[in-house]
Amino acid sequence: MSRDVQFKEKNIHVAIKESILLNFGDFGIGCVQLSLKVKYHNPLTSIFLVRVKRGHHQMVQSAITFIQQINRKQTAIQTLHIAGTIRSCQKFLVNYHKKTLPAIISQAKDDDTKKKIQDILNCYNVEGAKDMKLMDETVQDLVEEPEQSD
């Protein structure tokens, strides 16, 4: 998804349900309505994690590929990983973020910010959602530099 456009979990959820209805009709909605949830969303990296009952993941994945707009904003979505448990998805996301942090370091404007991001990268371990949330908040704080007054 485009990094300059921010979505909320609700917007993503609605877009997925609309795509399922459009592509699979009432049968599709009936299959996933109770189990479809956006469990995690990082607006900074535009990554989200979707939970659905086993057996319906292919329907949801297909519907997601047809989504062209979320909240009237053009978007393109690609699947990074499919797993059987939320825990294994969290592990994947932790490793994925570890791989993308060096790119964020190269975009940092000053040495202090680069050092903070490098510290996050050095001490980051696979502990699940708590670590993902901590990293998201820390990197978000670093990217959203406060306006300096003269």
N, C-alpha and C. Protein backbone atom coordinates (compact mmCIF):
# COMPACT_ATOMS: atom_id res chain seq x y z
N MET A 1 0.84 -1.17 0.00
CA MET A 1 0.00 0.00 0.00
C MET A 1 0.89 1.24 0.00
N SER A 2 0.38 2.31 -0.45
CA SER A 2 1.12 3.55 -0.48
C SER A 2 1.42 4.02 0.93
N ARG A 3 2.65 4.46 1.16
CA ARG A 3 3.07 4.84 2.51
C ARG A 3 2.53 6.21 2.94
N ASP A 4 2.11 7.04 1.99
CA ASP A 4 1.63 8.36 2.38
C ASP A 4 0.15 8.37 2.72
N VAL A 5 -0.56 7.28 2.46
CA VAL A 5 -1.98 7.18 2.76
C VAL A 5 -2.14 6.29 3.99
N GLN A 6 -2.85 6.78 5.00
CA GLN A 6 -3.02 6.02 6.23
C GLN A 6 -4.45 5.52 6.33
N PHE A 7 -4.58 4.27 6.72
CA PHE A 7 -5.88 3.65 6.89
C PHE A 7 -6.03 3.16 8.32
N LYS A 8 -7.27 2.98 8.73
CA LYS A 8 -7.56 2.39 10.03
C LYS A 8 -7.96 0.94 9.81
N GLU A 9 -7.86 0.15 10.88
CA GLU A 9 -8.23 -1.27 10.78
C GLU A 9 -9.65 -1.44 10.27
N LYS A 10 -10.55 -0.57 10.70
CA LYS A 10 -11.95 -0.66 10.27
C LYS A 10 -12.07 -0.49 8.75
N ASN A 11 -11.31 0.46 8.18
CA ASN A 11 -11.34 0.68 6.73
C ASN A 11 -10.87 -0.56 5.97
N ILE A 12 -9.84 -1.20 6.48
CA ILE A 12 -9.31 -2.40 5.85
C ILE A 12 -10.34 -3.53 5.94
N HIS A 13 -10.93 -3.69 7.11
CA HIS A 13 -11.94 -4.73 7.34
C HIS A 13 -13.12 -4.55 6.38
N VAL A 14 -13.61 -3.34 6.27
CA VAL A 14 -14.75 -3.06 5.38
C VAL A 14 -14.38 -3.34 3.93
N ALA A 15 -13.18 -2.95 3.51
CA ALA A 15 -12.75 -3.19 2.13
C ALA A 15 -12.66 -4.68 1.82
N ILE A 16 -12.18 -5.47 2.77
CA ILE A 16 -12.08 -6.91 2.56
C ILE A 16 -13.48 -7.51 2.45
N LYS A 17 -14.38 -7.12 3.36
CA LYS A 17 -15.75 -7.65 3.31
C LYS A 17 -16.45 -7.27 2.01
N GLU A 18 -16.28 -6.04 1.55
CA GLU A 18 -16.89 -5.62 0.29
C GLU A 18 -16.35 -6.42 -0.89
N SER A 19 -15.04 -6.69 -0.88
CA SER A 19 -14.44 -7.47 -1.95
C SER A 19 -14.94 -8.92 -1.93
N ILE A 20 -15.09 -9.49 -0.73
CA ILE A 20 -15.62 -10.85 -0.64
C ILE A 20 -17.05 -10.89 -1.16
N LEU A 21 -17.86 -9.91 -0.78
CA LEU A 21 -19.25 -9.85 -1.25
C LEU A 21 -19.30 -9.72 -2.77
N LEU A 22 -18.48 -8.86 -3.32
CA LEU A 22 -18.46 -8.63 -4.76
C LEU A 22 -18.00 -9.87 -5.53
N ASN A 23 -16.97 -10.56 -5.02
CA ASN A 23 -16.37 -11.67 -5.75
C ASN A 23 -16.95 -13.05 -5.40
N PHE A 24 -17.49 -13.21 -4.19
CA PHE A 24 -17.99 -14.52 -3.77
C PHE A 24 -19.44 -14.49 -3.31
N GLY A 25 -20.05 -13.31 -3.31
CA GLY A 25 -21.47 -13.18 -2.99
C GLY A 25 -21.81 -13.49 -1.54
N ASP A 26 -23.08 -13.80 -1.32
CA ASP A 26 -23.57 -14.08 0.03
C ASP A 26 -22.89 -15.31 0.64
N PHE A 27 -22.57 -16.29 -0.20
CA PHE A 27 -21.88 -17.47 0.30
C PHE A 27 -20.55 -17.09 0.94
N GLY A 28 -19.78 -16.24 0.26
CA GLY A 28 -18.48 -15.81 0.77
C GLY A 28 -18.60 -15.07 2.08
N ILE A 29 -19.53 -14.12 2.13
CA ILE A 29 -19.73 -13.36 3.37
C ILE A 29 -20.17 -14.29 4.50
N GLY A 30 -21.04 -15.23 4.19
CA GLY A 30 -21.50 -16.17 5.20
C GLY A 30 -20.37 -17.02 5.77
N CYS A 31 -19.41 -17.36 4.92
CA CYS A 31 -18.28 -18.18 5.37
C CYS A 31 -17.34 -17.43 6.31
N VAL A 32 -17.12 -16.16 6.06
CA VAL A 32 -16.07 -15.44 6.80
C VAL A 32 -16.57 -14.38 7.77
N GLN A 33 -17.85 -14.08 7.75
CA GLN A 33 -18.35 -12.94 8.51
C GLN A 33 -17.98 -12.98 10.00
N LEU A 34 -18.10 -14.13 10.63
CA LEU A 34 -17.84 -14.21 12.07
C LEU A 34 -16.36 -14.30 12.40
N SER A 35 -15.56 -14.83 11.49
CA SER A 35 -14.14 -15.05 11.83
C SER A 35 -13.19 -14.00 11.27
N LEU A 36 -13.63 -13.18 10.34
CA LEU A 36 -12.74 -12.20 9.71
C LEU A 36 -12.42 -11.06 10.67
N LYS A 37 -11.13 -10.89 10.95
CA LYS A 37 -10.69 -9.82 11.85
C LYS A 37 -9.34 -9.28 11.37
N VAL A 38 -9.17 -7.98 11.44
CA VAL A 38 -7.87 -7.38 11.21
C VAL A 38 -7.23 -7.31 12.60
N LYS A 39 -6.25 -8.18 12.85
CA LYS A 39 -5.67 -8.33 14.18
C LYS A 39 -4.55 -7.33 14.45
N TYR A 40 -3.89 -6.85 13.42
CA TYR A 40 -2.74 -5.97 13.59
C TYR A 40 -2.65 -5.07 12.37
N HIS A 41 -2.34 -3.82 12.62
CA HIS A 41 -2.15 -2.88 11.52
C HIS A 41 -1.08 -1.88 11.91
N ASN A 42 -0.10 -1.73 11.06
CA ASN A 42 0.97 -0.77 11.28
C ASN A 42 0.86 0.30 10.20
N PRO A 43 0.35 1.48 10.55
CA PRO A 43 0.18 2.52 9.52
C PRO A 43 1.50 3.03 8.96
N LEU A 44 2.57 2.89 9.71
CA LEU A 44 3.87 3.35 9.23
C LEU A 44 4.37 2.51 8.06
N THR A 45 4.26 1.19 8.20
CA THR A 45 4.74 0.30 7.15
C THR A 45 3.61 -0.19 6.24
N SER A 46 2.38 0.16 6.56
CA SER A 46 1.20 -0.26 5.80
C SER A 46 1.07 -1.78 5.74
N ILE A 47 1.42 -2.42 6.83
CA ILE A 47 1.28 -3.87 6.94
C ILE A 47 0.12 -4.17 7.87
N PHE A 48 -0.69 -5.15 7.48
CA PHE A 48 -1.75 -5.57 8.38
C PHE A 48 -1.84 -7.09 8.40
N LEU A 49 -2.37 -7.61 9.50
CA LEU A 49 -2.52 -9.03 9.70
C LEU A 49 -4.00 -9.34 9.79
N VAL A 50 -4.45 -10.29 8.99
CA VAL A 50 -5.86 -10.66 8.93
C VAL A 50 -6.02 -12.07 9.48
N ARG A 51 -7.01 -12.26 10.33
CA ARG A 51 -7.33 -13.58 10.85
C ARG A 51 -8.65 -14.02 10.25
N VAL A 52 -8.69 -15.30 9.82
CA VAL A 52 -9.91 -15.88 9.29
C VAL A 52 -9.87 -17.38 9.60
N LYS A 53 -11.04 -17.99 9.66
CA LYS A 53 -11.11 -19.42 9.93
C LYS A 53 -10.31 -20.20 8.90
N ARG A 54 -9.70 -21.28 9.39
CA ARG A 54 -8.95 -22.17 8.50
C ARG A 54 -9.90 -22.70 7.42
N GLY A 55 -9.43 -22.77 6.23
CA GLY A 55 -10.26 -23.27 5.14
C GLY A 55 -10.81 -22.15 4.27
N HIS A 56 -10.92 -20.96 4.82
CA HIS A 56 -11.44 -19.82 4.06
C HIS A 56 -10.35 -18.82 3.72
N HIS A 57 -9.11 -19.15 4.08
CA HIS A 57 -8.01 -18.21 3.84
C HIS A 57 -7.78 -17.95 2.36
N GLN A 58 -8.00 -18.95 1.51
CA GLN A 58 -7.80 -18.74 0.08
C GLN A 58 -8.84 -17.79 -0.51
N MET A 59 -10.06 -17.88 0.00
CA MET A 59 -11.12 -16.97 -0.44
C MET A 59 -10.76 -15.53 -0.05
N VAL A 60 -10.30 -15.36 1.18
CA VAL A 60 -9.94 -14.02 1.66
C VAL A 60 -8.73 -13.50 0.90
N GLN A 61 -7.74 -14.35 0.69
CA GLN A 61 -6.55 -13.93 -0.05
C GLN A 61 -6.93 -13.50 -1.47
N SER A 62 -7.81 -14.26 -2.10
CA SER A 62 -8.26 -13.90 -3.45
C SER A 62 -9.00 -12.57 -3.44
N ALA A 63 -9.88 -12.40 -2.47
CA ALA A 63 -10.65 -11.14 -2.37
C ALA A 63 -9.72 -9.96 -2.14
N ILE A 64 -8.69 -10.15 -1.32
CA ILE A 64 -7.75 -9.06 -1.02
C ILE A 64 -7.02 -8.61 -2.28
N THR A 65 -6.68 -9.55 -3.16
CA THR A 65 -5.96 -9.16 -4.38
C THR A 65 -6.80 -8.28 -5.30
N PHE A 66 -8.13 -8.35 -5.17
CA PHE A 66 -9.01 -7.54 -6.01
C PHE A 66 -9.31 -6.15 -5.43
N ILE A 67 -8.84 -5.88 -4.23
CA ILE A 67 -9.09 -4.58 -3.62
C ILE A 67 -8.25 -3.53 -4.34
N GLN A 68 -8.91 -2.52 -4.85
CA GLN A 68 -8.21 -1.43 -5.55
C GLN A 68 -8.29 -0.13 -4.78
N GLN A 69 -9.27 -0.01 -3.89
CA GLN A 69 -9.44 1.21 -3.09
C GLN A 69 -9.77 0.85 -1.66
N ILE A 70 -9.22 1.63 -0.75
CA ILE A 70 -9.62 1.56 0.65
C ILE A 70 -9.93 2.99 1.07
N ASN A 71 -11.14 3.17 1.56
CA ASN A 71 -11.57 4.50 1.99
C ASN A 71 -11.40 5.53 0.86
N ARG A 72 -11.77 5.14 -0.35
CA ARG A 72 -11.71 5.98 -1.57
C ARG A 72 -10.29 6.40 -1.96
N LYS A 73 -9.29 5.66 -1.49
CA LYS A 73 -7.90 5.92 -1.86
C LYS A 73 -7.36 4.72 -2.62
N GLN A 74 -6.72 4.99 -3.76
CA GLN A 74 -6.15 3.92 -4.57
C GLN A 74 -5.10 3.15 -3.76
N THR A 75 -5.11 1.84 -3.90
CA THR A 75 -4.15 1.01 -3.18
C THR A 75 -3.91 -0.29 -3.93
N ALA A 76 -2.80 -0.91 -3.65
CA ALA A 76 -2.48 -2.25 -4.16
C ALA A 76 -1.97 -3.06 -2.98
N ILE A 77 -2.53 -4.24 -2.80
CA ILE A 77 -2.18 -5.06 -1.64
C ILE A 77 -1.53 -6.35 -2.12
N GLN A 78 -0.47 -6.75 -1.44
CA GLN A 78 0.16 -8.03 -1.74
C GLN A 78 0.28 -8.84 -0.45
N THR A 79 0.23 -10.14 -0.58
CA THR A 79 0.36 -11.04 0.56
C THR A 79 1.83 -11.28 0.84
N LEU A 80 2.25 -11.06 2.08
CA LEU A 80 3.63 -11.31 2.47
C LEU A 80 3.81 -12.70 3.06
N HIS A 81 2.77 -13.19 3.77
CA HIS A 81 2.92 -14.45 4.49
C HIS A 81 1.55 -15.02 4.85
N ILE A 82 1.44 -16.34 4.83
CA ILE A 82 0.24 -17.02 5.29
C ILE A 82 0.69 -18.06 6.30
N ALA A 83 0.02 -18.12 7.45
CA ALA A 83 0.41 -19.07 8.49
C ALA A 83 -0.84 -19.61 9.18
N GLY A 84 -0.66 -20.66 9.94
CA GLY A 84 -1.76 -21.30 10.64
C GLY A 84 -2.10 -20.67 11.98
N THR A 85 -1.17 -19.90 12.53
CA THR A 85 -1.41 -19.28 13.84
C THR A 85 -1.01 -17.81 13.83
N ILE A 86 -1.62 -17.07 14.74
CA ILE A 86 -1.26 -15.65 14.90
C ILE A 86 0.19 -15.55 15.35
N ARG A 87 0.61 -16.45 16.23
CA ARG A 87 1.98 -16.44 16.76
C ARG A 87 3.02 -16.55 15.63
N SER A 88 2.79 -17.46 14.68
CA SER A 88 3.76 -17.60 13.59
C SER A 88 3.73 -16.37 12.68
N CYS A 89 2.59 -15.74 12.54
CA CYS A 89 2.53 -14.49 11.78
C CYS A 89 3.30 -13.39 12.49
N GLN A 90 3.18 -13.34 13.83
CA GLN A 90 3.92 -12.36 14.60
C GLN A 90 5.42 -12.56 14.44
N LYS A 91 5.86 -13.81 14.48
CA LYS A 91 7.29 -14.10 14.30
C LYS A 91 7.75 -13.63 12.92
N PHE A 92 6.93 -13.90 11.90
CA PHE A 92 7.28 -13.45 10.56
C PHE A 92 7.39 -11.93 10.53
N LEU A 93 6.40 -11.23 11.11
CA LEU A 93 6.42 -9.77 11.09
C LEU A 93 7.62 -9.20 11.83
N VAL A 94 8.00 -9.82 12.94
CA VAL A 94 9.19 -9.37 13.67
C VAL A 94 10.41 -9.49 12.76
N ASN A 95 10.57 -10.63 12.11
CA ASN A 95 11.71 -10.82 11.21
C ASN A 95 11.64 -9.88 10.01
N TYR A 96 10.45 -9.66 9.51
CA TYR A 96 10.28 -8.75 8.38
C TYR A 96 10.67 -7.32 8.77
N HIS A 97 10.23 -6.91 9.96
CA HIS A 97 10.59 -5.57 10.44
C HIS A 97 12.10 -5.47 10.67
N LYS A 98 12.72 -6.53 11.15
CA LYS A 98 14.17 -6.53 11.33
C LYS A 98 14.88 -6.29 10.01
N LYS A 99 14.34 -6.87 8.95
CA LYS A 99 14.95 -6.70 7.63
C LYS A 99 14.71 -5.31 7.07
N THR A 100 13.59 -4.68 7.41
CA THR A 100 13.28 -3.36 6.85
C THR A 100 13.85 -2.20 7.67
N LEU A 101 14.20 -2.45 8.93
CA LEU A 101 14.77 -1.36 9.74
C LEU A 101 16.05 -0.78 9.15
N PRO A 102 16.95 -1.57 8.57
CA PRO A 102 18.13 -0.95 7.96
C PRO A 102 17.79 0.08 6.89
N ALA A 103 16.72 -0.15 6.14
CA ALA A 103 16.30 0.84 5.13
C ALA A 103 15.83 2.13 5.81
N ILE A 104 15.16 1.98 6.96
CA ILE A 104 14.72 3.16 7.70
C ILE A 104 15.92 3.90 8.24
N ILE A 105 16.94 3.17 8.67
CA ILE A 105 18.17 3.81 9.16
C ILE A 105 18.79 4.66 8.07
N SER A 106 18.84 4.15 6.85
CA SER A 106 19.46 4.90 5.76
C SER A 106 18.68 6.17 5.43
N GLN A 107 17.37 6.21 5.76
CA GLN A 107 16.56 7.39 5.48
C GLN A 107 16.57 8.39 6.64
N ALA A 108 17.13 7.99 7.77
CA ALA A 108 17.14 8.88 8.94
C ALA A 108 17.98 10.12 8.64
N LYS A 109 17.51 11.24 9.19
CA LYS A 109 18.15 12.52 8.87
C LYS A 109 19.37 12.84 9.72
N ASP A 110 19.39 12.38 10.98
CA ASP A 110 20.53 12.71 11.83
C ASP A 110 21.08 11.45 12.50
N ASP A 111 22.30 11.58 13.04
CA ASP A 111 22.98 10.43 13.64
C ASP A 111 22.29 9.92 14.90
N ASP A 112 21.66 10.83 15.65
CA ASP A 112 20.96 10.42 16.87
C ASP A 112 19.79 9.48 16.54
N THR A 113 19.02 9.83 15.52
CA THR A 113 17.90 8.99 15.09
C THR A 113 18.43 7.66 14.57
N LYS A 114 19.50 7.68 13.79
CA LYS A 114 20.09 6.44 13.28
C LYS A 114 20.52 5.54 14.43
N LYS A 115 21.11 6.13 15.48
CA LYS A 115 21.55 5.34 16.62
C LYS A 115 20.37 4.73 17.36
N LYS A 116 19.29 5.49 17.51
CA LYS A 116 18.10 4.95 18.20
C LYS A 116 17.51 3.77 17.44
N ILE A 117 17.43 3.89 16.13
CA ILE A 117 16.89 2.80 15.32
C ILE A 117 17.83 1.59 15.38
N GLN A 118 19.14 1.84 15.33
CA GLN A 118 20.11 0.75 15.42
C GLN A 118 20.01 0.04 16.77
N ASP A 119 19.77 0.80 17.84
CA ASP A 119 19.58 0.20 19.16
C ASP A 119 18.36 -0.70 19.19
N ILE A 120 17.28 -0.25 18.55
CA ILE A 120 16.07 -1.08 18.46
C ILE A 120 16.41 -2.37 17.73
N LEU A 121 17.12 -2.26 16.63
CA LEU A 121 17.49 -3.42 15.83
C LEU A 121 18.37 -4.38 16.63
N ASN A 122 19.29 -3.85 17.42
CA ASN A 122 20.22 -4.68 18.18
C ASN A 122 19.54 -5.44 19.32
N CYS A 123 18.58 -4.81 19.98
CA CYS A 123 17.98 -5.45 21.14
C CYS A 123 16.64 -6.11 20.84
N TYR A 124 16.22 -6.06 19.60
CA TYR A 124 14.91 -6.60 19.23
C TYR A 124 14.95 -8.13 19.27
N ASN A 125 14.01 -8.75 19.97
CA ASN A 125 13.94 -10.20 20.00
C ASN A 125 12.52 -10.65 19.67
N VAL A 126 12.34 -11.92 19.45
CA VAL A 126 11.04 -12.44 19.05
C VAL A 126 10.23 -12.75 20.31
N GLU A 127 9.44 -11.77 20.74
CA GLU A 127 8.59 -11.93 21.92
C GLU A 127 7.12 -11.78 21.57
N GLY A 128 6.79 -11.51 20.32
CA GLY A 128 5.39 -11.43 19.93
C GLY A 128 4.85 -10.03 19.85
N ALA A 129 3.56 -9.91 20.11
CA ALA A 129 2.82 -8.67 19.88
C ALA A 129 3.33 -7.51 20.73
N LYS A 130 3.76 -7.78 21.97
CA LYS A 130 4.25 -6.68 22.81
C LYS A 130 5.45 -6.02 22.17
N ASP A 131 6.40 -6.82 21.66
CA ASP A 131 7.57 -6.26 21.00
C ASP A 131 7.20 -5.56 19.71
N MET A 132 6.25 -6.13 18.95
CA MET A 132 5.82 -5.49 17.71
C MET A 132 5.23 -4.12 18.02
N LYS A 133 4.40 -4.05 19.05
CA LYS A 133 3.78 -2.77 19.40
C LYS A 133 4.85 -1.78 19.86
N LEU A 134 5.79 -2.23 20.68
CA LEU A 134 6.86 -1.36 21.17
C LEU A 134 7.68 -0.82 19.99
N MET A 135 8.04 -1.71 19.06
CA MET A 135 8.81 -1.26 17.91
C MET A 135 8.02 -0.28 17.06
N ASP A 136 6.74 -0.58 16.82
CA ASP A 136 5.90 0.32 16.03
C ASP A 136 5.86 1.71 16.65
N GLU A 137 5.64 1.78 17.97
CA GLU A 137 5.54 3.06 18.65
C GLU A 137 6.87 3.81 18.61
N THR A 138 7.97 3.09 18.81
CA THR A 138 9.29 3.73 18.83
C THR A 138 9.66 4.27 17.46
N VAL A 139 9.49 3.45 16.43
CA VAL A 139 9.82 3.90 15.07
C VAL A 139 8.89 5.02 14.65
N GLN A 140 7.60 4.94 15.01
CA GLN A 140 6.65 6.01 14.68
C GLN A 140 7.10 7.32 15.32
N ASP A 141 7.53 7.26 16.59
CA ASP A 141 8.01 8.46 17.27
C ASP A 141 9.24 9.04 16.58
N LEU A 142 10.12 8.17 16.10
CA LEU A 142 11.33 8.64 15.45
C LEU A 142 11.04 9.25 14.08
N VAL A 143 10.10 8.68 13.38
CA VAL A 143 9.76 9.19 12.05
C VAL A 143 8.99 10.50 12.15
N GLU A 144 8.08 10.59 13.12
CA GLU A 144 7.31 11.81 13.32
C GLU A 144 8.13 12.77 14.19
N GLU A 145 9.11 13.40 13.58
CA GLU A 145 9.96 14.31 14.32
C GLU A 145 9.15 15.54 14.71
N PRO A 146 9.26 15.97 15.98
CA PRO A 146 8.52 17.16 16.39
C PRO A 146 9.04 18.40 15.69
N GLU A 147 8.12 19.32 15.43
CA GLU A 147 8.53 20.57 14.79
C GLU A 147 9.36 21.38 15.76
N GLN A 148 10.49 21.85 15.27
CA GLN A 148 11.39 22.60 16.12
C GLN A 148 11.06 24.08 16.02
N SER A 149 10.98 24.73 17.17
CA SER A 149 10.70 26.16 17.17
C SER A 149 12.01 26.91 17.39
N ASP A 150 12.18 28.00 16.70
CA ASP A 150 13.42 28.80 16.81
C ASP A 150 13.29 29.88 17.83
